């Protein structure tokens, strides 16, 4: 986080036909204290 307190989650979306500079980043959530990801291979 910009204020140094936890983490912030962002979403970025762009059409594949658009140039890279056309990104639109959006803050989804602030104040995250924990983030975990797991993947299942079957």
ModelCIF file with pLDDT and N, C-alpha, C, O atoms, coordinates in Angstrom:
data_MODEL
#
_entry.id   MODEL 
#
_entity.id                         1 
_entity.type                       polymer 
_entity.pdbx_number_of_molecules   1 
#
_entity_poly.entity_id                      1 
_entity_poly.type                           'polypeptide(L)' 
_entity_poly.nstd_linkage                   no 
_entity_poly.nstd_monomer                   no 
_entity_poly.pdbx_seq_one_letter_code       
;(UNK)(UNK)(UNK)(UNK)(UNK)(UNK)(UNK)(UNK)(UNK)(UNK)(UNK)(UNK)(UNK)(UNK)(UNK)(UNK)
(UNK)(UNK)(UNK)(UNK)(UNK)(UNK)(UNK)(UNK)(UNK)(UNK)(UNK)(UNK)(UNK)(UNK)(UNK)(UNK)
(UNK)(UNK)(UNK)(UNK)(UNK)(UNK)(UNK)(UNK)(UNK)(UNK)
;
_entity_poly.pdbx_seq_one_letter_code_can   XXXXXXXXXXXXXXXXXXXXXXXXXXXXXXXXXXXXXXXXXX 
_entity_poly.pdbx_strand_id                 A 
#
loop_
_entity_poly_seq.entity_id 
_entity_poly_seq.num 
_entity_poly_seq.mon_id 
_entity_poly_seq.hetero 
1 1  UNK n 
1 2  UNK n 
1 3  UNK n 
1 4  UNK n 
1 5  UNK n 
1 6  UNK n 
1 7  UNK n 
1 8  UNK n 
1 9  UNK n 
1 10 UNK n 
1 11 UNK n 
1 12 UNK n 
1 13 UNK n 
1 14 UNK n 
1 15 UNK n 
1 16 UNK n 
1 17 UNK n 
1 18 UNK n 
1 19 UNK n 
1 20 UNK n 
1 21 UNK n 
1 22 UNK n 
1 23 UNK n 
1 24 UNK n 
1 25 UNK n 
1 26 UNK n 
1 27 UNK n 
1 28 UNK n 
1 29 UNK n 
1 30 UNK n 
1 31 UNK n 
1 32 UNK n 
1 33 UNK n 
1 34 UNK n 
1 35 UNK n 
1 36 UNK n 
1 37 UNK n 
1 38 UNK n 
1 39 UNK n 
1 40 UNK n 
1 41 UNK n 
1 42 UNK n 
#
_struct_asym.id          A 
_struct_asym.entity_id   1 
#
loop_
_ma_qa_metric.id 
_ma_qa_metric.mode 
_ma_qa_metric.name 
_ma_qa_metric.software_group_id 
_ma_qa_metric.type 
1 global pLDDT . pLDDT 
2 local  pLDDT . pLDDT 
#
_ma_qa_metric_global.metric_id      1 
_ma_qa_metric_global.metric_value   83.69 
_ma_qa_metric_global.model_id       1 
_ma_qa_metric_global.ordinal_id     1 
#
loop_
_ma_qa_metric_local.label_asym_id 
_ma_qa_metric_local.label_comp_id 
_ma_qa_metric_local.label_seq_id 
_ma_qa_metric_local.metric_id 
_ma_qa_metric_local.metric_value 
_ma_qa_metric_local.model_id 
_ma_qa_metric_local.ordinal_id 
A UNK 1  2 88.00 1 1  
A UNK 2  2 85.00 1 2  
A UNK 3  2 82.00 1 3  
A UNK 4  2 79.00 1 4  
A UNK 5  2 80.00 1 5  
A UNK 6  2 87.00 1 6  
A UNK 7  2 92.00 1 7  
A UNK 8  2 92.00 1 8  
A UNK 9  2 91.00 1 9  
A UNK 10 2 92.00 1 10 
A UNK 11 2 90.00 1 11 
A UNK 12 2 88.00 1 12 
A UNK 13 2 84.00 1 13 
A UNK 14 2 77.00 1 14 
A UNK 15 2 76.00 1 15 
A UNK 16 2 74.00 1 16 
A UNK 17 2 73.00 1 17 
A UNK 18 2 66.00 1 18 
A UNK 19 2 66.00 1 19 
A UNK 20 2 62.00 1 20 
A UNK 21 2 59.00 1 21 
A UNK 22 2 55.00 1 22 
A UNK 23 2 63.00 1 23 
A UNK 24 2 78.00 1 24 
A UNK 25 2 86.00 1 25 
A UNK 26 2 91.00 1 26 
A UNK 27 2 91.00 1 27 
A UNK 28 2 89.00 1 28 
A UNK 29 2 88.00 1 29 
A UNK 30 2 88.00 1 30 
A UNK 31 2 88.00 1 31 
A UNK 32 2 93.00 1 32 
A UNK 33 2 92.00 1 33 
A UNK 34 2 92.00 1 34 
A UNK 35 2 91.00 1 35 
A UNK 36 2 93.00 1 36 
A UNK 37 2 93.00 1 37 
A UNK 38 2 95.00 1 38 
A UNK 39 2 94.00 1 39 
A UNK 40 2 94.00 1 40 
A UNK 41 2 89.00 1 41 
A UNK 42 2 89.00 1 42 
#
loop_
_atom_site.group_PDB 
_atom_site.id 
_atom_site.type_symbol 
_atom_site.label_atom_id 
_atom_site.label_alt_id 
_atom_site.label_comp_id 
_atom_site.label_asym_id 
_atom_site.label_entity_id 
_atom_site.label_seq_id 
_atom_site.pdbx_PDB_ins_code 
_atom_site.Cartn_x 
_atom_site.Cartn_y 
_atom_site.Cartn_z 
_atom_site.occupancy 
_atom_site.B_iso_or_equiv 
_atom_site.pdbx_formal_charge 
_atom_site.auth_seq_id 
_atom_site.auth_comp_id 
_atom_site.auth_asym_id 
_atom_site.auth_atom_id 
_atom_site.pdbx_PDB_model_num 
ATOM 1   N N  . UNK A 1 1  ? 0.839   -1.205  0.000   1.00 88.00 ? 1  UNK A N  1 
ATOM 2   C CA . UNK A 1 1  ? 0.000   0.000   0.000   1.00 88.00 ? 1  UNK A CA 1 
ATOM 3   C C  . UNK A 1 1  ? 0.867   1.245   0.000   1.00 88.00 ? 1  UNK A C  1 
ATOM 4   O O  . UNK A 1 1  ? 1.957   1.262   0.572   1.00 88.00 ? 1  UNK A O  1 
ATOM 5   N N  . UNK A 1 2  ? 0.378   2.262   -0.636  1.00 85.00 ? 2  UNK A N  1 
ATOM 6   C CA . UNK A 1 2  ? 1.131   3.521   -0.714  1.00 85.00 ? 2  UNK A CA 1 
ATOM 7   C C  . UNK A 1 2  ? 1.418   4.110   0.660   1.00 85.00 ? 2  UNK A C  1 
ATOM 8   O O  . UNK A 1 2  ? 2.458   4.733   0.875   1.00 85.00 ? 2  UNK A O  1 
ATOM 9   N N  . UNK A 1 3  ? 0.475   3.905   1.596   1.00 82.00 ? 3  UNK A N  1 
ATOM 10  C CA . UNK A 1 3  ? 0.677   4.425   2.947   1.00 82.00 ? 3  UNK A CA 1 
ATOM 11  C C  . UNK A 1 3  ? 1.504   3.477   3.814   1.00 82.00 ? 3  UNK A C  1 
ATOM 12  O O  . UNK A 1 3  ? 1.760   3.760   4.984   1.00 82.00 ? 3  UNK A O  1 
ATOM 13  N N  . UNK A 1 4  ? 1.926   2.334   3.223   1.00 79.00 ? 4  UNK A N  1 
ATOM 14  C CA . UNK A 1 4  ? 2.763   1.378   3.943   1.00 79.00 ? 4  UNK A CA 1 
ATOM 15  C C  . UNK A 1 4  ? 2.006   0.427   4.838   1.00 79.00 ? 4  UNK A C  1 
ATOM 16  O O  . UNK A 1 4  ? 2.622   -0.363  5.553   1.00 79.00 ? 4  UNK A O  1 
ATOM 17  N N  . UNK A 1 5  ? 0.664   0.482   4.820   1.00 80.00 ? 5  UNK A N  1 
ATOM 18  C CA . UNK A 1 5  ? -0.144  -0.356  5.692   1.00 80.00 ? 5  UNK A CA 1 
ATOM 19  C C  . UNK A 1 5  ? -0.803  -1.477  4.895   1.00 80.00 ? 5  UNK A C  1 
ATOM 20  O O  . UNK A 1 5  ? -1.860  -1.262  4.301   1.00 80.00 ? 5  UNK A O  1 
ATOM 21  N N  . UNK A 1 6  ? -0.212  -2.653  4.867   1.00 87.00 ? 6  UNK A N  1 
ATOM 22  C CA . UNK A 1 6  ? -0.788  -3.798  4.176   1.00 87.00 ? 6  UNK A CA 1 
ATOM 23  C C  . UNK A 1 6  ? -0.548  -3.784  2.678   1.00 87.00 ? 6  UNK A C  1 
ATOM 24  O O  . UNK A 1 6  ? 0.423   -3.210  2.187   1.00 87.00 ? 6  UNK A O  1 
ATOM 25  N N  . UNK A 1 7  ? -1.471  -4.440  1.959   1.00 92.00 ? 7  UNK A N  1 
ATOM 26  C CA . UNK A 1 7  ? -1.375  -4.575  0.511   1.00 92.00 ? 7  UNK A CA 1 
ATOM 27  C C  . UNK A 1 7  ? -2.622  -4.008  -0.155  1.00 92.00 ? 7  UNK A C  1 
ATOM 28  O O  . UNK A 1 7  ? -3.665  -3.846  0.478   1.00 92.00 ? 7  UNK A O  1 
ATOM 29  N N  . UNK A 1 8  ? -2.492  -3.711  -1.442  1.00 92.00 ? 8  UNK A N  1 
ATOM 30  C CA . UNK A 1 8  ? -3.627  -3.264  -2.255  1.00 92.00 ? 8  UNK A CA 1 
ATOM 31  C C  . UNK A 1 8  ? -3.765  -4.219  -3.441  1.00 92.00 ? 8  UNK A C  1 
ATOM 32  O O  . UNK A 1 8  ? -2.764  -4.654  -4.011  1.00 92.00 ? 8  UNK A O  1 
ATOM 33  N N  . UNK A 1 9  ? -5.008  -4.544  -3.812  1.00 91.00 ? 9  UNK A N  1 
ATOM 34  C CA . UNK A 1 9  ? -5.293  -5.427  -4.945  1.00 91.00 ? 9  UNK A CA 1 
ATOM 35  C C  . UNK A 1 9  ? -5.793  -4.568  -6.110  1.00 91.00 ? 9  UNK A C  1 
ATOM 36  O O  . UNK A 1 9  ? -6.689  -3.739  -5.947  1.00 91.00 ? 9  UNK A O  1 
ATOM 37  N N  . UNK A 1 10 ? -5.195  -4.783  -7.289  1.00 92.00 ? 10 UNK A N  1 
ATOM 38  C CA . UNK A 1 10 ? -5.550  -4.028  -8.488  1.00 92.00 ? 10 UNK A CA 1 
ATOM 39  C C  . UNK A 1 10 ? -6.015  -4.964  -9.590  1.00 92.00 ? 10 UNK A C  1 
ATOM 40  O O  . UNK A 1 10 ? -5.594  -6.118  -9.664  1.00 92.00 ? 10 UNK A O  1 
ATOM 41  N N  . UNK A 1 11 ? -6.887  -4.453  -10.442 1.00 90.00 ? 11 UNK A N  1 
ATOM 42  C CA . UNK A 1 11 ? -7.361  -5.161  -11.637 1.00 90.00 ? 11 UNK A CA 1 
ATOM 43  C C  . UNK A 1 11 ? -7.015  -4.305  -12.843 1.00 90.00 ? 11 UNK A C  1 
ATOM 44  O O  . UNK A 1 11 ? -7.235  -3.094  -12.852 1.00 90.00 ? 11 UNK A O  1 
ATOM 45  N N  . UNK A 1 12 ? -6.474  -4.951  -13.850 1.00 88.00 ? 12 UNK A N  1 
ATOM 46  C CA . UNK A 1 12 ? -6.094  -4.261  -15.067 1.00 88.00 ? 12 UNK A CA 1 
ATOM 47  C C  . UNK A 1 12 ? -6.733  -5.000  -16.245 1.00 88.00 ? 12 UNK A C  1 
ATOM 48  O O  . UNK A 1 12 ? -6.630  -6.222  -16.343 1.00 88.00 ? 12 UNK A O  1 
ATOM 49  N N  . UNK A 1 13 ? -7.382  -4.268  -17.125 1.00 84.00 ? 13 UNK A N  1 
ATOM 50  C CA . UNK A 1 13 ? -8.054  -4.885  -18.261 1.00 84.00 ? 13 UNK A CA 1 
ATOM 51  C C  . UNK A 1 13 ? -7.730  -4.114  -19.522 1.00 84.00 ? 13 UNK A C  1 
ATOM 52  O O  . UNK A 1 13 ? -7.727  -2.884  -19.532 1.00 84.00 ? 13 UNK A O  1 
ATOM 53  N N  . UNK A 1 14 ? -7.454  -4.863  -20.601 1.00 77.00 ? 14 UNK A N  1 
ATOM 54  C CA . UNK A 1 14 ? -7.268  -4.217  -21.897 1.00 77.00 ? 14 UNK A CA 1 
ATOM 55  C C  . UNK A 1 14 ? -7.618  -5.196  -23.000 1.00 77.00 ? 14 UNK A C  1 
ATOM 56  O O  . UNK A 1 14 ? -7.450  -6.406  -22.849 1.00 77.00 ? 14 UNK A O  1 
ATOM 57  N N  . UNK A 1 15 ? -8.094  -4.678  -24.079 1.00 76.00 ? 15 UNK A N  1 
ATOM 58  C CA . UNK A 1 15 ? -8.381  -5.488  -25.256 1.00 76.00 ? 15 UNK A CA 1 
ATOM 59  C C  . UNK A 1 15 ? -7.045  -5.872  -25.884 1.00 76.00 ? 15 UNK A C  1 
ATOM 60  O O  . UNK A 1 15 ? -6.121  -5.059  -25.909 1.00 76.00 ? 15 UNK A O  1 
ATOM 61  N N  . UNK A 1 16 ? -6.932  -7.074  -26.380 1.00 74.00 ? 16 UNK A N  1 
ATOM 62  C CA . UNK A 1 16 ? -5.669  -7.529  -26.954 1.00 74.00 ? 16 UNK A CA 1 
ATOM 63  C C  . UNK A 1 16 ? -5.258  -6.704  -28.173 1.00 74.00 ? 16 UNK A C  1 
ATOM 64  O O  . UNK A 1 16 ? -4.075  -6.639  -28.506 1.00 74.00 ? 16 UNK A O  1 
ATOM 65  N N  . UNK A 1 17 ? -6.222  -6.076  -28.837 1.00 73.00 ? 17 UNK A N  1 
ATOM 66  C CA . UNK A 1 17 ? -5.920  -5.273  -30.011 1.00 73.00 ? 17 UNK A CA 1 
ATOM 67  C C  . UNK A 1 17 ? -5.386  -3.879  -29.652 1.00 73.00 ? 17 UNK A C  1 
ATOM 68  O O  . UNK A 1 17 ? -4.862  -3.179  -30.518 1.00 73.00 ? 17 UNK A O  1 
ATOM 69  N N  . UNK A 1 18 ? -5.517  -3.473  -28.379 1.00 66.00 ? 18 UNK A N  1 
ATOM 70  C CA . UNK A 1 18 ? -5.077  -2.143  -27.971 1.00 66.00 ? 18 UNK A CA 1 
ATOM 71  C C  . UNK A 1 18 ? -3.589  -2.128  -27.675 1.00 66.00 ? 18 UNK A C  1 
ATOM 72  O O  . UNK A 1 18 ? -2.985  -3.150  -27.352 1.00 66.00 ? 18 UNK A O  1 
ATOM 73  N N  . UNK A 1 19 ? -3.019  -0.941  -27.794 1.00 66.00 ? 19 UNK A N  1 
ATOM 74  C CA . UNK A 1 19 ? -1.608  -0.756  -27.448 1.00 66.00 ? 19 UNK A CA 1 
ATOM 75  C C  . UNK A 1 19 ? -1.431  -0.913  -25.941 1.00 66.00 ? 19 UNK A C  1 
ATOM 76  O O  . UNK A 1 19 ? -2.383  -0.739  -25.180 1.00 66.00 ? 19 UNK A O  1 
ATOM 77  N N  . UNK A 1 20 ? -0.224  -1.240  -25.513 1.00 62.00 ? 20 UNK A N  1 
ATOM 78  C CA . UNK A 1 20 ? 0.057   -1.450  -24.087 1.00 62.00 ? 20 UNK A CA 1 
ATOM 79  C C  . UNK A 1 20 ? -0.250  -0.226  -23.237 1.00 62.00 ? 20 UNK A C  1 
ATOM 80  O O  . UNK A 1 20 ? -0.566  -0.372  -22.057 1.00 62.00 ? 20 UNK A O  1 
ATOM 81  N N  . UNK A 1 21 ? -0.166  0.979   -23.802 1.00 59.00 ? 21 UNK A N  1 
ATOM 82  C CA . UNK A 1 21 ? -0.391  2.188   -23.008 1.00 59.00 ? 21 UNK A CA 1 
ATOM 83  C C  . UNK A 1 21 ? -1.876  2.477   -22.770 1.00 59.00 ? 21 UNK A C  1 
ATOM 84  O O  . UNK A 1 21 ? -2.222  3.494   -22.169 1.00 59.00 ? 21 UNK A O  1 
ATOM 85  N N  . UNK A 1 22 ? -2.755  1.580   -23.241 1.00 55.00 ? 22 UNK A N  1 
ATOM 86  C CA . UNK A 1 22 ? -4.195  1.784   -23.066 1.00 55.00 ? 22 UNK A CA 1 
ATOM 87  C C  . UNK A 1 22 ? -4.730  1.057   -21.826 1.00 55.00 ? 22 UNK A C  1 
ATOM 88  O O  . UNK A 1 22 ? -5.943  0.910   -21.675 1.00 55.00 ? 22 UNK A O  1 
ATOM 89  N N  . UNK A 1 23 ? -3.850  0.611   -20.954 1.00 63.00 ? 23 UNK A N  1 
ATOM 90  C CA . UNK A 1 23 ? -4.273  -0.106  -19.750 1.00 63.00 ? 23 UNK A CA 1 
ATOM 91  C C  . UNK A 1 23 ? -5.128  0.782   -18.848 1.00 63.00 ? 23 UNK A C  1 
ATOM 92  O O  . UNK A 1 23 ? -4.950  1.999   -18.793 1.00 63.00 ? 23 UNK A O  1 
ATOM 93  N N  . UNK A 1 24 ? -6.056  0.142   -18.146 1.00 78.00 ? 24 UNK A N  1 
ATOM 94  C CA . UNK A 1 24 ? -6.888  0.871   -17.195 1.00 78.00 ? 24 UNK A CA 1 
ATOM 95  C C  . UNK A 1 24 ? -6.833  0.142   -15.855 1.00 78.00 ? 24 UNK A C  1 
ATOM 96  O O  . UNK A 1 24 ? -7.591  -0.801  -15.624 1.00 78.00 ? 24 UNK A O  1 
ATOM 97  N N  . UNK A 1 25 ? -5.945  0.577   -14.984 1.00 86.00 ? 25 UNK A N  1 
ATOM 98  C CA . UNK A 1 25 ? -5.781  -0.062  -13.685 1.00 86.00 ? 25 UNK A CA 1 
ATOM 99  C C  . UNK A 1 25 ? -6.830  0.449   -12.715 1.00 86.00 ? 25 UNK A C  1 
ATOM 100 O O  . UNK A 1 25 ? -7.133  1.642   -12.680 1.00 86.00 ? 25 UNK A O  1 
ATOM 101 N N  . UNK A 1 26 ? -7.383  -0.468  -11.925 1.00 91.00 ? 26 UNK A N  1 
ATOM 102 C CA . UNK A 1 26 ? -8.454  -0.123  -10.992 1.00 91.00 ? 26 UNK A CA 1 
ATOM 103 C C  . UNK A 1 26 ? -8.135  -0.738  -9.634  1.00 91.00 ? 26 UNK A C  1 
ATOM 104 O O  . UNK A 1 26 ? -7.846  -1.931  -9.543  1.00 91.00 ? 26 UNK A O  1 
ATOM 105 N N  . UNK A 1 27 ? -8.187  0.071   -8.583  1.00 91.00 ? 27 UNK A N  1 
ATOM 106 C CA . UNK A 1 27 ? -7.995  -0.427  -7.224  1.00 91.00 ? 27 UNK A CA 1 
ATOM 107 C C  . UNK A 1 27 ? -9.255  -1.167  -6.797  1.00 91.00 ? 27 UNK A C  1 
ATOM 108 O O  . UNK A 1 27 ? -10.339 -0.584  -6.767  1.00 91.00 ? 27 UNK A O  1 
ATOM 109 N N  . UNK A 1 28 ? -9.116  -2.451  -6.467  1.00 89.00 ? 28 UNK A N  1 
ATOM 110 C CA . UNK A 1 28 ? -10.261 -3.257  -6.044  1.00 89.00 ? 28 UNK A CA 1 
ATOM 111 C C  . UNK A 1 28 ? -10.395 -3.306  -4.534  1.00 89.00 ? 28 UNK A C  1 
ATOM 112 O O  . UNK A 1 28 ? -11.505 -3.280  -4.004  1.00 89.00 ? 28 UNK A O  1 
ATOM 113 N N  . UNK A 1 29 ? -9.254  -3.377  -3.831  1.00 88.00 ? 29 UNK A N  1 
ATOM 114 C CA . UNK A 1 29 ? -9.308  -3.574  -2.395  1.00 88.00 ? 29 UNK A CA 1 
ATOM 115 C C  . UNK A 1 29 ? -8.027  -3.053  -1.752  1.00 88.00 ? 29 UNK A C  1 
ATOM 116 O O  . UNK A 1 29 ? -6.927  -3.274  -2.257  1.00 88.00 ? 29 UNK A O  1 
ATOM 117 N N  . UNK A 1 30 ? -8.190  -2.365  -0.642  1.00 88.00 ? 30 UNK A N  1 
ATOM 118 C CA . UNK A 1 30 ? -7.046  -1.903  0.144   1.00 88.00 ? 30 UNK A CA 1 
ATOM 119 C C  . UNK A 1 30 ? -7.148  -2.522  1.534   1.00 88.00 ? 30 UNK A C  1 
ATOM 120 O O  . UNK A 1 30 ? -8.201  -3.035  1.913   1.00 88.00 ? 30 UNK A O  1 
ATOM 121 N N  . UNK A 1 31 ? -6.073  -2.474  2.280   1.00 88.00 ? 31 UNK A N  1 
ATOM 122 C CA . UNK A 1 31 ? -6.095  -2.990  3.643   1.00 88.00 ? 31 UNK A CA 1 
ATOM 123 C C  . UNK A 1 31 ? -5.919  -4.491  3.744   1.00 88.00 ? 31 UNK A C  1 
ATOM 124 O O  . UNK A 1 31 ? -6.236  -5.085  4.775   1.00 88.00 ? 31 UNK A O  1 
ATOM 125 N N  . UNK A 1 32 ? -5.411  -5.119  2.674   1.00 93.00 ? 32 UNK A N  1 
ATOM 126 C CA . UNK A 1 32 ? -5.161  -6.552  2.712   1.00 93.00 ? 32 UNK A CA 1 
ATOM 127 C C  . UNK A 1 32 ? -4.002  -6.850  3.649   1.00 93.00 ? 32 UNK A C  1 
ATOM 128 O O  . UNK A 1 32 ? -2.948  -6.220  3.566   1.00 93.00 ? 32 UNK A O  1 
ATOM 129 N N  . UNK A 1 33 ? -4.199  -7.806  4.535   1.00 92.00 ? 33 UNK A N  1 
ATOM 130 C CA . UNK A 1 33 ? -3.131  -8.192  5.451   1.00 92.00 ? 33 UNK A CA 1 
ATOM 131 C C  . UNK A 1 33 ? -2.542  -9.548  5.089   1.00 92.00 ? 33 UNK A C  1 
ATOM 132 O O  . UNK A 1 33 ? -1.476  -9.927  5.573   1.00 92.00 ? 33 UNK A O  1 
ATOM 133 N N  . UNK A 1 34 ? -3.259  -10.274 4.225   1.00 92.00 ? 34 UNK A N  1 
ATOM 134 C CA . UNK A 1 34 ? -2.782  -11.608 3.841   1.00 92.00 ? 34 UNK A CA 1 
ATOM 135 C C  . UNK A 1 34 ? -3.352  -11.982 2.482   1.00 92.00 ? 34 UNK A C  1 
ATOM 136 O O  . UNK A 1 34 ? -4.535  -11.772 2.216   1.00 92.00 ? 34 UNK A O  1 
ATOM 137 N N  . UNK A 1 35 ? -2.501  -12.538 1.623   1.00 91.00 ? 35 UNK A N  1 
ATOM 138 C CA . UNK A 1 35 ? -2.919  -13.020 0.307   1.00 91.00 ? 35 UNK A CA 1 
ATOM 139 C C  . UNK A 1 35 ? -2.244  -14.373 0.077   1.00 91.00 ? 35 UNK A C  1 
ATOM 140 O O  . UNK A 1 35 ? -1.028  -14.501 0.219   1.00 91.00 ? 35 UNK A O  1 
ATOM 141 N N  . UNK A 1 36 ? -3.041  -15.372 -0.279  1.00 93.00 ? 36 UNK A N  1 
ATOM 142 C CA . UNK A 1 36 ? -2.496  -16.699 -0.573  1.00 93.00 ? 36 UNK A CA 1 
ATOM 143 C C  . UNK A 1 36 ? -3.156  -17.237 -1.831  1.00 93.00 ? 36 UNK A C  1 
ATOM 144 O O  . UNK A 1 36 ? -4.362  -17.080 -2.022  1.00 93.00 ? 36 UNK A O  1 
ATOM 145 N N  . UNK A 1 37 ? -2.370  -17.869 -2.686  1.00 93.00 ? 37 UNK A N  1 
ATOM 146 C CA . UNK A 1 37 ? -2.871  -18.511 -3.893  1.00 93.00 ? 37 UNK A CA 1 
ATOM 147 C C  . UNK A 1 37 ? -2.446  -19.968 -3.890  1.00 93.00 ? 37 UNK A C  1 
ATOM 148 O O  . UNK A 1 37 ? -1.336  -20.298 -3.472  1.00 93.00 ? 37 UNK A O  1 
ATOM 149 N N  . UNK A 1 38 ? -3.335  -20.840 -4.359  1.00 95.00 ? 38 UNK A N  1 
ATOM 150 C CA . UNK A 1 38 ? -2.992  -22.244 -4.556  1.00 95.00 ? 38 UNK A CA 1 
ATOM 151 C C  . UNK A 1 38 ? -3.571  -22.700 -5.889  1.00 95.00 ? 38 UNK A C  1 
ATOM 152 O O  . UNK A 1 38 ? -4.643  -22.251 -6.294  1.00 95.00 ? 38 UNK A O  1 
ATOM 153 N N  . UNK A 1 39 ? -2.868  -23.579 -6.556  1.00 94.00 ? 39 UNK A N  1 
ATOM 154 C CA . UNK A 1 39 ? -3.303  -24.111 -7.849  1.00 94.00 ? 39 UNK A CA 1 
ATOM 155 C C  . UNK A 1 39 ? -3.507  -25.616 -7.740  1.00 94.00 ? 39 UNK A C  1 
ATOM 156 O O  . UNK A 1 39 ? -2.736  -26.312 -7.079  1.00 94.00 ? 39 UNK A O  1 
ATOM 157 N N  . UNK A 1 40 ? -4.553  -26.108 -8.394  1.00 94.00 ? 40 UNK A N  1 
ATOM 158 C CA . UNK A 1 40 ? -4.877  -27.527 -8.382  1.00 94.00 ? 40 UNK A CA 1 
ATOM 159 C C  . UNK A 1 40 ? -4.604  -28.099 -9.760  1.00 94.00 ? 40 UNK A C  1 
ATOM 160 O O  . UNK A 1 40 ? -5.131  -27.605 -10.757 1.00 94.00 ? 40 UNK A O  1 
ATOM 161 N N  . UNK A 1 41 ? -3.777  -29.146 -9.820  1.00 89.00 ? 41 UNK A N  1 
ATOM 162 C CA . UNK A 1 41 ? -3.397  -29.741 -11.103 1.00 89.00 ? 41 UNK A CA 1 
ATOM 163 C C  . UNK A 1 41 ? -4.259  -30.941 -11.495 1.00 89.00 ? 41 UNK A C  1 
ATOM 164 O O  . UNK A 1 41 ? -4.009  -31.582 -12.516 1.00 89.00 ? 41 UNK A O  1 
ATOM 165 N N  . UNK A 1 42 ? -5.267  -31.240 -10.687 1.00 89.00 ? 42 UNK A N  1 
ATOM 166 C CA . UNK A 1 42 ? -6.110  -32.402 -10.941 1.00 89.00 ? 42 UNK A CA 1 
ATOM 167 C C  . UNK A 1 42 ? -5.918  -33.472 -9.877  1.00 89.00 ? 42 UNK A C  1 
ATOM 168 O O  . UNK A 1 42 ? -6.555  -34.523 -9.937  1.00 89.00 ? 42 UNK A O  1 
#
